[in-house]
């Protein structure tokens, strides 16, 4: 209610709200990325996908990586449209390491944790 009253008085703009939302979401993405880097012991971050085009996200990831002594690589915008190539590449790596799943045993989970994924090709 207090935010609404301040918005009506013109103290907050829709742009303020959008910026705040973006910063919060990006901070969450950076935290998850840092956790994934720690679990995988990776010194690198590759920024891809549609959101990877956002320069503010790239900046926030670069700051985090710098603090960890790691590096960030953002792909060319031409390759930041779809994650299909990454999914296909991962599937190919899994297949090469005999990691297959039958259609009957396949399902989707939105709460899949990156630290619970067995990555056979890094063992």
Protein backbone atom coordinates (compact mmCIF):
# COMPACT_ATOMS: atom_id res chain seq x y z
CA UNK A 1 0.00 0.00 0.00
CA UNK A 2 2.83 2.41 0.85
CA UNK A 3 4.50 1.76 -2.51
CA UNK A 4 1.21 2.42 -4.31
CA UNK A 5 0.74 5.75 -2.50
CA UNK A 6 4.29 6.82 -3.36
CA UNK A 7 3.71 5.73 -6.96
CA UNK A 8 0.52 7.84 -7.14
CA UNK A 9 2.47 10.84 -5.82
CA UNK A 10 5.03 10.31 -8.58
CA UNK A 11 7.89 9.31 -6.27
CA UNK A 12 8.33 5.99 -8.09
CA UNK A 13 8.04 5.42 -11.80
CA UNK A 14 7.33 2.22 -13.71
CA UNK A 15 10.96 2.43 -14.84
CA UNK A 16 12.08 2.37 -11.18
CA UNK A 17 10.04 -0.77 -10.60
CA UNK A 18 11.42 -2.47 -13.73
CA UNK A 19 15.00 -1.58 -12.81
CA UNK A 20 14.53 -2.89 -9.28
CA UNK A 21 13.03 -6.13 -10.56
CA UNK A 22 15.87 -6.58 -13.06
CA UNK A 23 18.53 -6.01 -10.39
CA UNK A 24 16.88 -8.49 -8.03
CA UNK A 25 16.51 -11.20 -10.67
CA UNK A 26 20.04 -10.71 -11.95
CA UNK A 27 21.44 -10.84 -8.40
CA UNK A 28 19.69 -14.19 -8.00
CA UNK A 29 21.15 -15.45 -11.28
CA UNK A 30 24.64 -14.35 -10.24
CA UNK A 31 24.30 -16.12 -6.89
CA UNK A 32 23.15 -19.34 -8.56
CA UNK A 33 25.99 -19.08 -11.07
CA UNK A 34 28.54 -18.59 -8.30
CA UNK A 35 27.18 -21.65 -6.50
CA UNK A 36 27.37 -23.71 -9.70
CA UNK A 37 30.96 -22.55 -10.23
CA UNK A 38 31.87 -23.66 -6.71
CA UNK A 39 30.24 -27.08 -7.16
CA UNK A 40 31.82 -27.68 -10.54
CA UNK A 41 35.13 -26.02 -9.62
CA UNK A 42 34.90 -24.08 -12.86
CA UNK A 43 37.02 -20.95 -13.33
CA UNK A 44 34.86 -19.79 -16.25
CA UNK A 45 31.34 -18.58 -16.95
CA UNK A 46 29.84 -18.67 -20.42
CA UNK A 47 26.88 -16.30 -20.78
CA UNK A 48 24.43 -17.53 -23.40
CA UNK A 49 20.75 -17.50 -24.21
CA UNK A 50 18.50 -14.52 -24.75
CA UNK A 51 19.19 -13.01 -21.34
CA UNK A 52 22.91 -13.27 -22.11
CA UNK A 53 22.56 -10.24 -24.38
CA UNK A 54 21.87 -8.01 -21.37
CA UNK A 55 24.98 -5.93 -20.66
CA UNK A 56 23.99 -5.33 -17.03
CA UNK A 57 23.86 -9.08 -16.36
CA UNK A 58 27.22 -9.48 -18.06
CA UNK A 59 28.63 -6.73 -15.84
CA UNK A 60 27.29 -8.32 -12.65
CA UNK A 61 28.63 -11.75 -13.63
CA UNK A 62 32.01 -10.21 -14.47
CA UNK A 63 32.23 -8.59 -11.03
CA UNK A 64 31.45 -11.90 -9.31
CA UNK A 65 33.88 -13.82 -11.48
CA UNK A 66 36.62 -11.27 -10.89
CA UNK A 67 36.22 -11.69 -7.14
CA UNK A 68 36.66 -15.47 -7.60
CA UNK A 69 39.65 -15.12 -9.92
CA UNK A 70 37.49 -16.47 -12.74
CA UNK A 71 36.56 -15.22 -16.19
CA UNK A 72 33.34 -14.53 -18.09
CA UNK A 73 32.77 -14.95 -21.79
CA UNK A 74 29.61 -13.55 -23.33
CA UNK A 75 28.80 -14.97 -26.71
CA UNK A 76 28.06 -12.84 -29.73
CA UNK A 77 24.44 -11.66 -29.80
CA UNK A 78 23.86 -13.77 -32.90
CA UNK A 79 24.25 -16.87 -30.72
CA UNK A 80 22.22 -15.65 -27.74
CA UNK A 81 18.81 -16.32 -29.18
CA UNK A 82 18.09 -19.92 -28.27
CA UNK A 83 19.52 -22.58 -25.99
CA UNK A 84 18.75 -25.38 -28.45
CA UNK A 85 22.38 -25.78 -29.54
CA UNK A 86 23.53 -26.06 -25.92
CA UNK A 87 20.85 -28.64 -25.15
CA UNK A 88 21.82 -30.64 -28.24
CA UNK A 89 25.52 -30.48 -27.33
CA UNK A 90 24.84 -31.64 -23.79
CA UNK A 91 22.67 -34.46 -25.12
CA UNK A 92 25.46 -35.51 -27.45
CA UNK A 93 27.99 -35.54 -24.59
CA UNK A 94 25.62 -37.59 -22.47
CA UNK A 95 25.05 -40.06 -25.32
CA UNK A 96 28.83 -40.40 -25.88
CA UNK A 97 29.17 -41.35 -22.21
CA UNK A 98 26.33 -43.91 -22.32
CA UNK A 99 24.00 -41.68 -20.34
CA UNK A 100 20.65 -42.41 -21.96
CA UNK A 101 17.07 -42.24 -20.72
CA UNK A 102 14.13 -44.04 -22.25
CA UNK A 103 11.07 -42.00 -23.17
CA UNK A 104 9.11 -43.87 -20.49
CA UNK A 105 11.59 -42.75 -17.81
CA UNK A 106 11.75 -39.14 -19.00
CA UNK A 107 10.10 -36.26 -17.19
CA UNK A 108 10.53 -32.53 -16.60
CA UNK A 109 11.25 -30.96 -13.24
CA UNK A 110 11.38 -27.21 -12.76
CA UNK A 111 13.32 -27.51 -9.51
CA UNK A 112 16.27 -29.40 -10.97
CA UNK A 113 19.40 -28.54 -8.97
CA UNK A 114 22.67 -28.12 -10.83
CA UNK A 115 24.62 -29.59 -7.90
CA UNK A 116 22.68 -32.87 -8.26
CA UNK A 117 23.65 -33.47 -11.88
CA UNK A 118 26.12 -36.26 -12.57
CA UNK A 119 28.52 -35.03 -15.28
CA UNK A 120 30.26 -38.17 -16.49
CA UNK A 121 32.49 -36.42 -19.01
CA UNK A 122 34.18 -34.39 -16.23
CA UNK A 123 34.99 -37.36 -13.97
